[in-house]
Amino acid sequence: MNRHFSDARYYFRRGFDHLYTGLKEESEPLRRRIMEAMGREMDEEEMGPQSRRERVEYGARRAATRGRRAAKKVRRRVERTE
């Protein structure tokens, strides 16, 4: 792949990550009000990781979960073709 394309893909992804984070931060007060109106309290776990270590551990757990899901899908596809 041309370096320009890989650079563009990198910056696009970084921009999307920043957009997602910004939207999540901006919508947090509204989400809290909705949860309170529904009678459901937000736990600290629902708020997401705060410290750098928590973010890394959360990312590792998320990656492991996504990996297991992907492997499960692949196993299903392979079983169907046999």
Protein backbone atom coordinates (compact mmCIF):
# COMPACT_ATOMS: atom_id res chain seq x y z
CA MET A 1 0.00 0.00 0.00
CA ASN A 2 1.24 3.44 -0.86
CA ARG A 3 2.58 5.38 2.12
CA HIS A 4 0.15 8.23 1.45
CA PHE A 5 -2.78 5.86 1.80
CA SER A 6 -1.46 4.35 5.01
CA ASP A 7 -0.84 7.83 6.44
CA ALA A 8 -4.32 8.97 5.42
CA ARG A 9 -5.84 5.87 7.01
CA TYR A 10 -3.91 6.51 10.22
CA TYR A 11 -5.02 10.14 10.47
CA PHE A 12 -8.60 9.28 9.56
CA ARG A 13 -8.71 6.72 12.34
CA ARG A 14 -7.15 9.13 14.84
CA GLY A 15 -9.67 11.79 13.85
CA PHE A 16 -12.52 9.35 14.29
CA ASP A 17 -11.22 8.33 17.73
CA HIS A 18 -11.08 11.98 18.79
CA LEU A 19 -14.57 12.60 17.43
CA TYR A 20 -15.95 9.57 19.28
CA THR A 21 -14.27 10.62 22.54
CA GLY A 22 -15.54 14.19 22.20
CA LEU A 23 -19.10 13.10 21.51
CA LYS A 24 -19.00 10.70 24.44
CA GLU A 25 -17.78 13.45 26.80
CA GLU A 26 -20.39 15.92 25.55
CA SER A 27 -23.26 13.45 25.84
CA GLU A 28 -22.29 12.18 29.32
CA PRO A 29 -24.45 14.70 31.27
CA LEU A 30 -27.48 13.86 29.14
CA ARG A 31 -26.85 10.15 29.60
CA ARG A 32 -26.66 10.61 33.36
CA ARG A 33 -29.98 12.48 33.42
CA ILE A 34 -31.67 9.81 31.32
CA MET A 35 -30.34 7.04 33.55
CA GLU A 36 -31.51 8.86 36.67
CA ALA A 37 -34.95 9.46 35.14
CA MET A 38 -35.22 5.75 34.40
CA GLY A 39 -34.28 4.98 37.98
CA ARG A 40 -31.01 3.36 37.07
CA GLU A 41 -27.79 4.61 38.59
CA MET A 42 -24.52 4.65 36.73
CA ASP A 43 -21.75 2.66 38.33
CA GLU A 44 -18.12 3.65 38.09
CA GLU A 45 -17.61 0.74 35.71
CA GLU A 46 -20.16 2.18 33.30
CA MET A 47 -18.36 5.50 33.26
CA GLY A 48 -15.29 3.82 31.84
CA PRO A 49 -11.67 3.73 32.90
CA GLN A 50 -10.14 6.92 34.26
CA SER A 51 -6.43 6.37 34.93
CA ARG A 52 -3.90 5.34 32.32
CA ARG A 53 -3.49 1.91 33.90
CA GLU A 54 -7.26 1.38 33.95
CA ARG A 55 -7.48 2.37 30.29
CA VAL A 56 -4.74 -0.11 29.36
CA GLU A 57 -6.35 -2.92 31.35
CA TYR A 58 -9.77 -2.08 29.87
CA GLY A 59 -8.27 -2.09 26.36
CA ALA A 60 -6.64 -5.46 26.97
CA ARG A 61 -9.91 -6.98 28.20
CA ARG A 62 -11.77 -5.49 25.26
CA ALA A 63 -9.20 -6.80 22.78
CA ALA A 64 -9.40 -10.28 24.29
CA THR A 65 -13.18 -10.24 24.07
CA ARG A 66 -13.13 -9.06 20.47
CA GLY A 67 -10.56 -11.73 19.62
CA ARG A 68 -12.71 -14.47 21.11
CA ARG A 69 -15.75 -13.22 19.19
CA ALA A 70 -13.80 -13.13 15.94
CA ALA A 71 -12.48 -16.66 16.51
CA LYS A 72 -16.01 -17.86 17.24
CA LYS A 73 -17.27 -16.38 13.96
CA VAL A 74 -14.44 -18.01 12.03
CA ARG A 75 -15.16 -21.41 13.64
CA ARG A 76 -18.82 -21.09 12.65
CA ARG A 77 -17.91 -20.28 9.05
CA VAL A 78 -15.49 -23.18 8.82
CA GLU A 79 -18.07 -25.59 10.27
CA ARG A 80 -20.63 -24.47 7.69
CA THR A 81 -18.34 -25.17 4.75
CA GLU A 82 -17.53 -28.73 5.83
